[in-house]
Amino acid sequence: MRPRSSPARAERRRRGDHSPCTREIVLASLGIRRELPTNVPAVIDLPALSPGEIEFKCGMNMLRGVIVVEPRT
């Protein structure tokens, strides 16, 4: 069993982009879907996670990336 991180809070701000593709962020493996209003911080509370990568995508499944969870040292 791998050690888990502490819960975390991520803040994401959508700046001036009015594309429908960037209106929300989806972390499907965590069951999280959040709207990203333009020029307003959106806070996403993350649970304690095991080290590894958590994929995120836009609501249209076109833009994607990963959040890297590193082990505690």
N, C-alpha and C. Protein backbone atom coordinates (compact mmCIF):
# COMPACT_ATOMS: atom_id res chain seq x y z
N MET A 1 0.84 -1.18 0.00
CA MET A 1 0.00 0.00 0.00
C MET A 1 0.88 1.24 0.00
N ARG A 2 0.60 2.17 -0.88
CA ARG A 2 1.39 3.39 -0.96
C ARG A 2 0.83 4.43 0.01
N PRO A 3 1.72 5.26 0.61
CA PRO A 3 1.23 6.30 1.51
C PRO A 3 0.39 7.31 0.75
N ARG A 4 -0.58 7.88 1.43
CA ARG A 4 -1.45 8.86 0.81
C ARG A 4 -1.03 10.27 1.23
N SER A 5 -1.34 11.22 0.39
CA SER A 5 -1.07 12.61 0.70
C SER A 5 -2.15 13.15 1.63
N SER A 6 -2.01 14.37 2.04
CA SER A 6 -3.05 15.05 2.81
C SER A 6 -4.05 15.64 1.83
N PRO A 7 -5.28 15.88 2.27
CA PRO A 7 -6.22 16.57 1.38
C PRO A 7 -5.62 17.90 0.94
N ALA A 8 -5.99 18.37 -0.22
CA ALA A 8 -5.43 19.60 -0.77
C ALA A 8 -6.53 20.43 -1.40
N ARG A 9 -6.20 21.68 -1.62
CA ARG A 9 -7.13 22.60 -2.27
C ARG A 9 -6.39 23.20 -3.46
N ALA A 10 -6.99 23.10 -4.64
CA ALA A 10 -6.40 23.66 -5.85
C ALA A 10 -7.26 24.84 -6.30
N GLU A 11 -6.60 25.88 -6.77
CA GLU A 11 -7.33 27.02 -7.30
C GLU A 11 -7.01 27.18 -8.76
N ARG A 12 -8.03 27.34 -9.55
CA ARG A 12 -7.86 27.49 -11.00
C ARG A 12 -8.61 28.73 -11.42
N ARG A 13 -7.99 29.56 -12.25
CA ARG A 13 -8.63 30.78 -12.75
C ARG A 13 -8.60 30.76 -14.27
N ARG A 14 -9.75 30.89 -14.88
CA ARG A 14 -9.89 30.95 -16.34
C ARG A 14 -9.82 32.41 -16.74
N ARG A 15 -8.82 32.78 -17.51
CA ARG A 15 -8.57 34.18 -17.84
C ARG A 15 -8.95 34.52 -19.27
N GLY A 16 -10.03 35.26 -19.43
CA GLY A 16 -10.39 35.86 -20.71
C GLY A 16 -10.71 34.90 -21.84
N ASP A 17 -10.63 33.61 -21.62
CA ASP A 17 -10.93 32.65 -22.69
C ASP A 17 -12.41 32.31 -22.62
N HIS A 18 -13.13 32.61 -23.69
CA HIS A 18 -14.58 32.39 -23.70
C HIS A 18 -14.96 31.12 -24.47
N SER A 19 -13.99 30.28 -24.74
CA SER A 19 -14.25 29.02 -25.44
C SER A 19 -15.11 28.11 -24.57
N PRO A 20 -16.13 27.47 -25.16
CA PRO A 20 -16.93 26.54 -24.37
C PRO A 20 -16.10 25.36 -23.85
N CYS A 21 -14.99 25.09 -24.50
CA CYS A 21 -14.16 23.96 -24.11
C CYS A 21 -13.49 24.20 -22.75
N THR A 22 -13.27 25.44 -22.38
CA THR A 22 -12.56 25.73 -21.13
C THR A 22 -13.50 26.14 -19.99
N ARG A 23 -14.78 25.96 -20.16
CA ARG A 23 -15.75 26.38 -19.14
C ARG A 23 -15.79 25.49 -17.92
N GLU A 24 -15.29 24.27 -18.03
CA GLU A 24 -15.27 23.40 -16.86
C GLU A 24 -14.08 22.46 -16.88
N ILE A 25 -13.74 21.99 -15.69
CA ILE A 25 -12.66 21.02 -15.53
C ILE A 25 -13.26 19.75 -14.95
N VAL A 26 -12.79 18.60 -15.45
CA VAL A 26 -13.33 17.31 -15.03
C VAL A 26 -12.17 16.43 -14.58
N LEU A 27 -12.27 15.93 -13.36
CA LEU A 27 -11.35 14.92 -12.84
C LEU A 27 -12.20 13.68 -12.64
N ALA A 28 -12.39 12.93 -13.71
CA ALA A 28 -13.34 11.82 -13.72
C ALA A 28 -13.01 10.76 -12.68
N SER A 29 -11.74 10.46 -12.47
CA SER A 29 -11.37 9.41 -11.52
C SER A 29 -11.72 9.79 -10.08
N LEU A 30 -11.92 11.09 -9.83
CA LEU A 30 -12.28 11.55 -8.49
C LEU A 30 -13.75 11.95 -8.40
N GLY A 31 -14.46 11.85 -9.53
CA GLY A 31 -15.87 12.24 -9.54
C GLY A 31 -16.06 13.75 -9.38
N ILE A 32 -15.11 14.54 -9.88
CA ILE A 32 -15.16 16.00 -9.72
C ILE A 32 -15.41 16.65 -11.08
N ARG A 33 -16.38 17.55 -11.13
CA ARG A 33 -16.67 18.37 -12.30
C ARG A 33 -16.98 19.77 -11.78
N ARG A 34 -16.19 20.77 -12.19
CA ARG A 34 -16.37 22.14 -11.70
C ARG A 34 -16.45 23.11 -12.86
N GLU A 35 -17.38 24.03 -12.77
CA GLU A 35 -17.46 25.13 -13.73
C GLU A 35 -16.34 26.11 -13.42
N LEU A 36 -15.75 26.68 -14.47
CA LEU A 36 -14.67 27.66 -14.33
C LEU A 36 -15.15 29.00 -14.88
N PRO A 37 -15.75 29.85 -14.04
CA PRO A 37 -16.19 31.15 -14.53
C PRO A 37 -14.99 31.98 -14.96
N THR A 38 -15.18 32.87 -15.92
CA THR A 38 -14.09 33.71 -16.42
C THR A 38 -13.66 34.72 -15.36
N ASN A 39 -12.35 34.80 -15.14
CA ASN A 39 -11.71 35.76 -14.24
C ASN A 39 -12.17 35.67 -12.79
N VAL A 40 -12.62 34.51 -12.38
CA VAL A 40 -13.02 34.28 -10.99
C VAL A 40 -12.33 33.00 -10.52
N PRO A 41 -11.67 33.03 -9.35
CA PRO A 41 -11.02 31.80 -8.89
C PRO A 41 -12.04 30.71 -8.60
N ALA A 42 -11.74 29.51 -9.05
CA ALA A 42 -12.57 28.33 -8.77
C ALA A 42 -11.74 27.41 -7.89
N VAL A 43 -12.25 27.09 -6.72
CA VAL A 43 -11.53 26.25 -5.77
C VAL A 43 -12.01 24.81 -5.90
N ILE A 44 -11.06 23.89 -5.98
CA ILE A 44 -11.36 22.47 -6.09
C ILE A 44 -10.72 21.77 -4.90
N ASP A 45 -11.54 21.18 -4.05
CA ASP A 45 -11.03 20.44 -2.91
C ASP A 45 -10.71 19.01 -3.35
N LEU A 46 -9.46 18.61 -3.14
CA LEU A 46 -9.01 17.28 -3.53
C LEU A 46 -8.86 16.42 -2.28
N PRO A 47 -9.26 15.16 -2.36
CA PRO A 47 -9.08 14.26 -1.22
C PRO A 47 -7.61 13.85 -1.10
N ALA A 48 -7.28 13.15 -0.03
CA ALA A 48 -5.93 12.57 0.09
C ALA A 48 -5.75 11.58 -1.06
N LEU A 49 -4.62 11.69 -1.74
CA LEU A 49 -4.37 10.88 -2.94
C LEU A 49 -3.08 10.08 -2.79
N SER A 50 -3.03 8.94 -3.43
CA SER A 50 -1.79 8.16 -3.50
C SER A 50 -0.89 8.80 -4.54
N PRO A 51 0.44 8.66 -4.40
CA PRO A 51 1.35 9.20 -5.41
C PRO A 51 1.01 8.66 -6.79
N GLY A 52 1.15 9.51 -7.78
CA GLY A 52 0.86 9.13 -9.17
C GLY A 52 0.30 10.32 -9.92
N GLU A 53 -0.40 10.06 -10.99
CA GLU A 53 -0.96 11.12 -11.82
C GLU A 53 -2.48 11.02 -11.84
N ILE A 54 -3.13 12.18 -11.73
CA ILE A 54 -4.58 12.28 -11.82
C ILE A 54 -4.87 13.06 -13.10
N GLU A 55 -5.55 12.44 -14.04
CA GLU A 55 -5.86 13.09 -15.31
C GLU A 55 -7.02 14.06 -15.14
N PHE A 56 -6.91 15.22 -15.80
CA PHE A 56 -8.04 16.14 -15.87
C PHE A 56 -8.29 16.48 -17.33
N LYS A 57 -9.53 16.82 -17.64
CA LYS A 57 -9.94 17.18 -19.00
C LYS A 57 -10.89 18.35 -18.93
N CYS A 58 -11.11 18.96 -20.08
CA CYS A 58 -12.14 19.98 -20.17
C CYS A 58 -13.49 19.26 -20.28
N GLY A 59 -14.56 20.00 -20.17
CA GLY A 59 -15.89 19.41 -20.25
C GLY A 59 -16.21 18.79 -21.59
N MET A 60 -15.50 19.21 -22.64
CA MET A 60 -15.73 18.66 -23.98
C MET A 60 -14.75 17.54 -24.31
N ASN A 61 -13.88 17.20 -23.36
CA ASN A 61 -12.92 16.11 -23.53
C ASN A 61 -11.89 16.38 -24.62
N MET A 62 -11.57 17.66 -24.85
CA MET A 62 -10.60 18.01 -25.89
C MET A 62 -9.26 18.45 -25.30
N LEU A 63 -9.30 19.23 -24.22
CA LEU A 63 -8.08 19.66 -23.55
C LEU A 63 -7.85 18.75 -22.36
N ARG A 64 -6.60 18.39 -22.12
CA ARG A 64 -6.33 17.50 -21.00
C ARG A 64 -4.94 17.71 -20.45
N GLY A 65 -4.74 17.19 -19.26
CA GLY A 65 -3.45 17.27 -18.59
C GLY A 65 -3.46 16.36 -17.38
N VAL A 66 -2.45 16.47 -16.55
CA VAL A 66 -2.38 15.65 -15.34
C VAL A 66 -1.97 16.50 -14.14
N ILE A 67 -2.42 16.08 -12.99
CA ILE A 67 -1.93 16.60 -11.71
C ILE A 67 -1.00 15.51 -11.17
N VAL A 68 0.22 15.88 -10.86
CA VAL A 68 1.19 14.92 -10.36
C VAL A 68 1.20 14.97 -8.84
N VAL A 69 0.95 13.83 -8.22
CA VAL A 69 0.99 13.71 -6.77
C VAL A 69 2.29 13.00 -6.42
N GLU A 70 3.17 13.73 -5.74
CA GLU A 70 4.47 13.17 -5.38
C GLU A 70 4.42 12.60 -3.97
N PRO A 71 5.22 11.55 -3.73
CA PRO A 71 5.25 10.99 -2.38
C PRO A 71 5.85 11.97 -1.39
N ARG A 72 5.41 11.86 -0.15
CA ARG A 72 5.99 12.69 0.91
C ARG A 72 7.45 12.29 1.11
N THR A 73 8.26 13.28 1.43
CA THR A 73 9.67 12.99 1.71
C THR A 73 10.02 13.33 3.12
